[in-house]
Amino acid sequence: MNESIDVMVNGETRTVARGATLLELLRALELDPAPWVVEHNRTIVRRPRLGDVTVPRATRSSWCIS
């Protein structure tokens, strides 16, 4: 079983641990989650849910952190 997956973040491929949360993804990118907005396929993920939402492996999944 592969321990990591590739995801697209802001148009760039990133490797993250399988099952990582959005909060863990932000930390892996060395970003403080407080000033950032995370969007998944045009839906905003609210800051309180960042630690609950896992990064899915999907062929048509895109993440925007701005």
Protein backbone atom coordinates (compact mmCIF):
# COMPACT_ATOMS: atom_id res chain seq x y z
CA MET A 1 0.00 0.00 0.00
CA ASN A 2 1.32 3.44 -0.98
CA GLU A 3 1.82 5.72 2.03
CA SER A 4 1.48 8.94 0.02
CA ILE A 5 -0.63 10.41 -2.76
CA ASP A 6 -0.18 13.22 -5.25
CA VAL A 7 -2.69 16.08 -5.18
CA MET A 8 -2.99 19.28 -7.20
CA VAL A 9 -2.66 22.46 -5.11
CA ASN A 10 -2.77 25.85 -6.84
CA GLY A 11 -1.87 24.16 -10.13
CA GLU A 12 1.16 22.31 -8.72
CA THR A 13 1.44 18.62 -7.88
CA ARG A 14 2.19 18.01 -4.20
CA THR A 15 2.82 14.74 -2.40
CA VAL A 16 1.01 14.26 0.90
CA ALA A 17 0.47 11.39 3.28
CA ARG A 18 -2.52 9.22 2.46
CA GLY A 19 -5.38 10.26 4.74
CA ALA A 20 -3.85 13.67 5.56
CA THR A 21 -6.25 16.38 6.66
CA LEU A 22 -6.36 19.83 5.11
CA LEU A 23 -4.79 21.19 8.28
CA GLU A 24 -1.89 18.75 7.89
CA LEU A 25 -1.55 19.75 4.24
CA LEU A 26 -1.26 23.42 5.19
CA ARG A 27 1.35 22.58 7.81
CA ALA A 28 3.29 20.47 5.28
CA LEU A 29 3.31 23.54 3.01
CA GLU A 30 4.58 25.55 6.00
CA LEU A 31 1.48 27.75 5.99
CA ASP A 32 -0.27 29.12 9.07
CA PRO A 33 -3.95 28.23 8.49
CA ALA A 34 -5.26 31.46 10.06
CA PRO A 35 -4.94 33.80 7.05
CA TRP A 36 -5.72 31.26 4.31
CA VAL A 37 -8.91 30.22 2.55
CA VAL A 38 -9.07 26.65 1.25
CA GLU A 39 -11.31 25.90 -1.71
CA HIS A 40 -12.06 22.42 -3.06
CA ASN A 41 -13.77 22.29 -6.46
CA ARG A 42 -15.27 25.77 -5.93
CA THR A 43 -16.49 25.05 -2.39
CA ILE A 44 -14.93 26.87 0.57
CA VAL A 45 -13.82 24.59 3.40
CA ARG A 46 -14.43 26.53 6.61
CA ARG A 47 -11.43 26.91 8.91
CA PRO A 48 -12.95 24.95 11.85
CA ARG A 49 -13.28 21.90 9.53
CA LEU A 50 -9.68 21.90 8.24
CA GLY A 51 -8.67 19.25 10.78
CA ASP A 52 -11.70 17.09 9.95
CA VAL A 53 -11.58 17.06 6.14
CA THR A 54 -9.14 14.60 4.58
CA VAL A 55 -7.48 15.21 1.26
CA PRO A 56 -9.23 12.84 -1.14
CA ARG A 57 -7.54 11.09 -4.00
CA ALA A 58 -9.64 11.96 -7.00
CA THR A 59 -8.80 12.46 -10.64
CA ARG A 60 -10.90 15.62 -10.85
CA SER A 61 -10.05 17.22 -7.55
CA SER A 62 -8.39 20.61 -7.26
CA TRP A 63 -7.41 22.67 -4.26
CA CYS A 64 -6.88 26.39 -4.10
CA ILE A 65 -5.19 27.96 -1.09
CA SER A 66 -5.32 31.72 -1.18
